[in-house]
Protein backbone atom coordinates (compact mmCIF):
# COMPACT_ATOMS: atom_id res chain seq x y z
CA UNK A 1 0.00 0.00 0.00
CA UNK A 2 1.45 3.37 -0.98
CA UNK A 3 1.37 6.35 1.34
CA UNK A 4 2.98 9.04 -0.81
CA UNK A 5 3.52 9.07 -4.58
CA UNK A 6 5.64 11.48 -6.63
CA UNK A 7 4.25 11.23 -10.14
CA UNK A 8 6.04 12.70 -13.20
CA UNK A 9 7.23 15.52 -10.95
CA UNK A 10 9.03 18.39 -12.69
CA UNK A 11 10.20 21.77 -11.47
CA UNK A 12 11.66 24.48 -13.68
CA UNK A 13 13.26 27.76 -12.67
CA UNK A 14 13.86 30.74 -14.94
CA UNK A 15 17.27 32.30 -14.28
CA UNK A 16 19.54 34.83 -15.94
CA UNK A 17 23.13 33.75 -16.63
CA UNK A 18 25.41 36.50 -17.95
CA UNK A 19 22.30 38.50 -18.70
CA UNK A 20 20.73 35.73 -20.77
CA UNK A 21 17.55 33.87 -19.75
CA UNK A 22 18.05 30.22 -18.91
CA UNK A 23 15.66 27.48 -17.77
CA UNK A 24 16.98 25.20 -15.01
CA UNK A 25 15.32 21.81 -14.52
CA UNK A 26 15.49 21.12 -10.78
CA UNK A 27 13.24 18.08 -11.27
CA UNK A 28 12.60 16.31 -14.56
CA UNK A 29 9.88 13.66 -14.53
CA UNK A 30 10.64 12.20 -11.10
CA UNK A 31 8.63 9.11 -10.15
CA UNK A 32 8.74 7.03 -6.97
CA UNK A 33 6.49 5.76 -4.21
CA UNK A 34 6.99 5.54 -0.45
CA UNK A 35 4.92 2.78 1.11
CA UNK A 36 2.98 3.00 4.35
CA UNK A 37 5.32 2.61 7.33
CA UNK A 38 8.44 2.64 5.15
CA UNK A 39 11.60 4.68 5.71
CA UNK A 40 12.95 5.96 2.39
CA UNK A 41 16.10 7.99 1.79
CA UNK A 42 16.72 10.46 -1.03
CA UNK A 43 20.39 10.67 -1.93
CA UNK A 44 22.35 12.33 -4.71
CA UNK A 45 24.82 15.14 -5.39
CA UNK A 46 24.09 18.71 -4.39
CA UNK A 47 21.70 20.37 -6.83
CA UNK A 48 20.07 17.14 -8.03
CA UNK A 49 16.64 18.15 -6.73
CA UNK A 50 16.34 16.23 -3.45
CA UNK A 51 15.23 19.15 -1.27
CA UNK A 52 13.02 20.52 -4.05
CA UNK A 53 11.18 17.19 -4.20
CA UNK A 54 10.78 17.18 -0.41
CA UNK A 55 9.46 20.76 -0.35
CA UNK A 56 6.90 19.98 -3.03
CA UNK A 57 5.85 16.86 -1.12
CA UNK A 58 5.34 19.03 1.97
CA UNK A 59 3.41 21.64 0.02
CA UNK A 60 5.95 24.40 0.60
CA UNK A 61 6.60 24.69 -3.14
CA UNK A 62 4.62 23.87 -6.26
CA UNK A 63 5.57 21.65 -9.18
CA UNK A 64 5.80 22.93 -12.75
CA UNK A 65 4.13 19.70 -13.82
CA UNK A 66 3.25 16.35 -12.31
CA UNK A 67 1.82 15.84 -8.85
CA UNK A 68 2.31 14.46 -5.35
CA UNK A 69 -0.44 12.36 -3.77
CA UNK A 70 -0.92 11.14 -0.20
CA UNK A 71 -3.25 8.15 0.02
CA UNK A 72 -4.37 9.01 -3.51
CA UNK A 73 -5.24 12.64 -2.69
CA UNK A 74 -3.32 15.34 -4.56
CA UNK A 75 -1.19 17.58 -2.33
CA UNK A 76 -2.30 21.20 -2.62
CA UNK A 77 -0.30 23.06 0.00
CA UNK A 78 0.67 22.10 3.54
CA UNK A 79 -1.50 19.80 5.64
CA UNK A 80 -1.41 18.02 8.97
CA UNK A 81 -1.03 14.66 7.22
CA UNK A 82 2.60 15.72 6.67
CA UNK A 83 5.22 17.35 8.88
CA UNK A 84 8.75 18.46 8.08
CA UNK A 85 12.00 18.51 10.03
CA UNK A 86 14.60 20.89 8.62
CA UNK A 87 18.40 20.69 8.72
CA UNK A 88 18.37 23.33 11.44
CA UNK A 89 15.66 23.07 14.07
CA UNK A 90 14.28 26.58 13.37
CA UNK A 91 12.90 26.89 16.90
CA UNK A 92 11.28 30.08 18.13
CA UNK A 93 13.98 31.46 20.46
CA UNK A 94 11.60 33.18 22.90
CA UNK A 95 9.66 29.96 23.60
CA UNK A 96 10.63 27.03 25.79
CA UNK A 97 11.08 23.55 24.36
CA UNK A 98 7.58 22.67 25.52
CA UNK A 99 6.07 25.82 24.01
CA UNK A 100 7.84 25.19 20.70
CA UNK A 101 6.27 21.72 20.52
CA UNK A 102 2.89 23.13 21.57
CA UNK A 103 3.05 25.76 18.82
CA UNK A 104 2.13 23.39 15.98
CA UNK A 105 -0.61 21.81 18.07
CA UNK A 106 -2.12 25.22 18.78
CA UNK A 107 -2.19 25.96 15.05
CA UNK A 108 -4.01 22.65 14.60
CA UNK A 109 -6.62 23.79 17.12
CA UNK A 110 -5.64 21.68 20.12
CA UNK A 111 -6.45 23.42 23.41
CA UNK A 112 -6.64 22.80 27.15
CA UNK A 113 -4.89 20.03 29.03
CA UNK A 114 -4.59 17.89 25.89
CA UNK A 115 -2.27 20.52 24.41
CA UNK A 116 0.30 20.23 27.20
CA UNK A 117 -0.10 16.47 27.62
CA UNK A 118 0.51 15.76 23.92
CA UNK A 119 3.54 18.06 23.78
CA UNK A 120 5.05 16.48 26.89
CA UNK A 121 4.50 12.98 25.46
CA UNK A 122 6.37 13.96 22.30
CA UNK A 123 9.23 15.48 24.28
CA UNK A 124 9.38 12.27 26.30
CA UNK A 125 9.50 10.29 23.03
CA UNK A 126 12.71 12.14 22.04
CA UNK A 127 14.19 11.98 25.57
CA UNK A 128 13.70 15.65 26.52
CA UNK A 129 10.89 15.53 29.07
CA UNK A 130 13.18 16.89 31.82
CA UNK A 131 14.33 19.79 29.59
CA UNK A 132 10.88 21.07 28.69
CA UNK A 133 11.39 24.47 30.37
CA UNK A 134 14.66 25.27 28.59
CA UNK A 135 14.81 27.78 25.79
CA UNK A 136 16.72 26.99 22.57
CA UNK A 137 19.91 28.82 23.64
CA UNK A 138 20.02 26.52 26.68
CA UNK A 139 19.95 23.40 24.50
CA UNK A 140 22.73 21.74 22.50
CA UNK A 141 22.41 21.41 18.73
CA UNK A 142 21.32 17.80 19.07
CA UNK A 143 18.73 18.66 21.70
CA UNK A 144 17.35 21.45 19.53
CA UNK A 145 16.98 19.02 16.66
CA UNK A 146 15.13 16.60 18.92
CA UNK A 147 12.72 19.39 19.85
CA UNK A 148 12.19 19.93 16.12
CA UNK A 149 11.40 16.23 15.69
CA UNK A 150 9.03 16.32 18.67
CA UNK A 151 7.27 19.36 17.21
CA UNK A 152 6.78 17.53 13.92
CA UNK A 153 5.49 14.37 15.61
CA UNK A 154 3.11 16.30 17.87
CA UNK A 155 0.61 16.99 15.08
CA UNK A 156 0.49 13.21 14.44
CA UNK A 157 1.31 13.30 10.71
CA UNK A 158 0.98 10.28 8.46
CA UNK A 159 4.30 11.19 6.85
CA UNK A 160 7.44 12.65 8.37
CA UNK A 161 9.61 14.54 5.87
CA UNK A 162 13.20 15.27 6.93
CA UNK A 163 15.74 17.44 5.08
CA UNK A 164 19.23 16.38 6.20
CA UNK A 165 18.01 16.43 9.81
CA UNK A 166 21.39 15.44 11.27
CA UNK A 167 23.69 17.08 8.73
CA UNK A 168 24.73 19.99 10.94
CA UNK A 169 25.62 17.85 13.96
CA UNK A 170 28.89 16.32 15.14
CA UNK A 171 29.49 12.65 14.40
CA UNK A 172 28.65 11.29 17.85
CA UNK A 173 25.46 13.32 18.20
CA UNK A 174 24.47 12.32 14.68
CA UNK A 175 24.81 8.63 15.50
CA UNK A 176 22.84 9.08 18.73
CA UNK A 177 19.98 10.73 16.85
CA UNK A 178 20.05 8.09 14.11
CA UNK A 179 19.46 5.44 16.76
CA UNK A 180 16.76 7.57 18.35
CA UNK A 181 14.98 8.02 15.02
CA UNK A 182 15.00 4.26 14.48
CA UNK A 183 13.48 3.86 17.95
CA UNK A 184 10.77 6.43 17.18
CA UNK A 185 9.97 4.66 13.91
CA UNK A 186 9.74 1.31 15.70
CA UNK A 187 7.30 2.78 18.25
CA UNK A 188 5.17 4.92 15.94
CA UNK A 189 5.35 3.19 12.56
CA UNK A 190 5.45 6.57 10.80
CA UNK A 191 6.17 6.76 7.09
CA UNK A 192 9.46 8.66 6.74
CA UNK A 193 11.08 10.24 3.69
CA UNK A 194 14.41 11.92 4.38
CA UNK A 195 17.17 13.62 2.41
CA UNK A 196 20.80 12.83 3.16
CA UNK A 197 24.25 13.09 1.59
CA UNK A 198 25.61 10.38 3.90
CA UNK A 199 25.74 6.88 2.37
CA UNK A 200 26.12 5.21 5.77
CA UNK A 201 23.08 7.05 7.13
CA UNK A 202 20.98 6.10 4.11
CA UNK A 203 21.78 2.40 4.50
CA UNK A 204 21.44 2.32 8.29
CA UNK A 205 18.07 4.08 8.45
CA UNK A 206 16.20 3.35 5.22
CA UNK A 207 14.28 0.41 3.82
CA UNK A 208 14.92 1.74 0.30
CA UNK A 209 17.32 4.37 -1.03
CA UNK A 210 16.23 6.56 -3.94
CA UNK A 211 19.32 7.64 -5.91
CA UNK A 212 18.85 10.90 -7.86
CA UNK A 213 20.87 12.68 -10.51
CA UNK A 214 20.01 15.82 -12.52
CA UNK A 215 16.45 15.92 -11.20
CA UNK A 216 15.74 12.35 -12.28
CA UNK A 217 15.50 8.95 -10.67
CA UNK A 218 18.73 7.03 -11.19
CA UNK A 219 18.03 3.86 -9.21
CA UNK A 220 16.13 2.57 -6.19
CA UNK A 221 18.20 0.31 -3.92
CA UNK A 222 16.51 -1.99 -1.40
CA UNK A 223 18.29 -2.27 1.94
CA UNK A 224 18.33 -5.91 3.16
CA UNK A 225 19.10 -5.10 6.82
CA UNK A 226 16.38 -6.52 9.09
CA UNK A 227 14.43 -4.46 11.62
CA UNK A 228 14.60 -3.62 14.44
CA UNK A 229 18.05 -2.07 13.95
CA UNK A 230 19.22 -1.52 17.49
CA UNK A 231 23.01 -1.72 17.18
CA UNK A 232 24.21 0.50 14.34
CA UNK A 233 27.88 -0.13 15.09
CA UNK A 234 27.34 -3.87 14.61
CA UNK A 235 25.37 -3.30 11.40
CA UNK A 236 28.24 -1.30 9.89
CA UNK A 237 30.50 -4.37 9.85
CA UNK A 238 28.00 -6.75 8.24
CA UNK A 239 28.45 -7.91 4.62
CA UNK A 240 24.91 -6.71 3.83
CA UNK A 241 25.77 -3.16 4.90
CA UNK A 242 29.00 -3.09 2.91
CA UNK A 243 27.40 -4.56 -0.23
CA UNK A 244 24.42 -2.18 -0.15
CA UNK A 245 26.59 0.86 0.52
CA UNK A 246 28.83 -0.04 -2.41
CA UNK A 247 25.86 -0.52 -4.70
CA UNK A 248 24.58 2.97 -3.85
CA UNK A 249 28.10 4.38 -4.33
CA UNK A 250 28.22 2.75 -7.77
CA UNK A 251 24.82 4.20 -8.71
CA UNK A 252 25.92 7.69 -7.67
CA UNK A 253 29.19 7.54 -9.56
CA UNK A 254 27.73 5.80 -12.62
CA UNK A 255 25.26 8.66 -12.91
CA UNK A 256 28.14 11.13 -12.73
CA UNK A 257 30.11 9.16 -15.32
CA UNK A 258 32.99 8.35 -12.96
CA UNK A 259 32.70 4.56 -12.64
CA UNK A 260 34.83 2.57 -15.07
């Protein structure tokens, strides 16, 4: 059963280069499906259209042609069936962690005791229940990102969209949050589509990896690692991890014309 479909998705930008008009194809007939409960990774070189596809899926941008559907319904702007986590948490600095998580719920119309209870449950889910009164400047980068994830989960979306959510973090914090995301997925069963430049991250987290190049689908690689994935360090030394990572590496470099 499919949850989100990108169908013949194209996006064109009109630019001026040296004073001359030029059309840039950020996306060019992109097609793929993310199934219900699946974790899918979008990977490819910078400028290949990954974030553009994610923004159109969220409803933050519009396609030049093609469409995105969720459960068969065409996406026409943002909706509470989807939530997005950005590379930087983008928290409101004057609000506490709890208030930042409550913010999206308030926009959804949640009021009263349910508002606080739901926000606290989501902070607990990301391990920040005891830090709910801290403001963003009192939180580390990793903690801020966890608040961002809690804020996205609070509105109970069908689909969680993530744009390099751990890309700005140090290696240890990144690995900690990768494990935490896997735990959240195991507990909630959310459908997740995320953008990454990190081959290891794509293999460790995803069920399938969508390789992109020049706004097009290059290849979809299925990850054979079983779930639950509780020990990422152990997974890194398995033959399945190494083989899958190399296959994705080959797809990326074949698309760039650098594999011989």
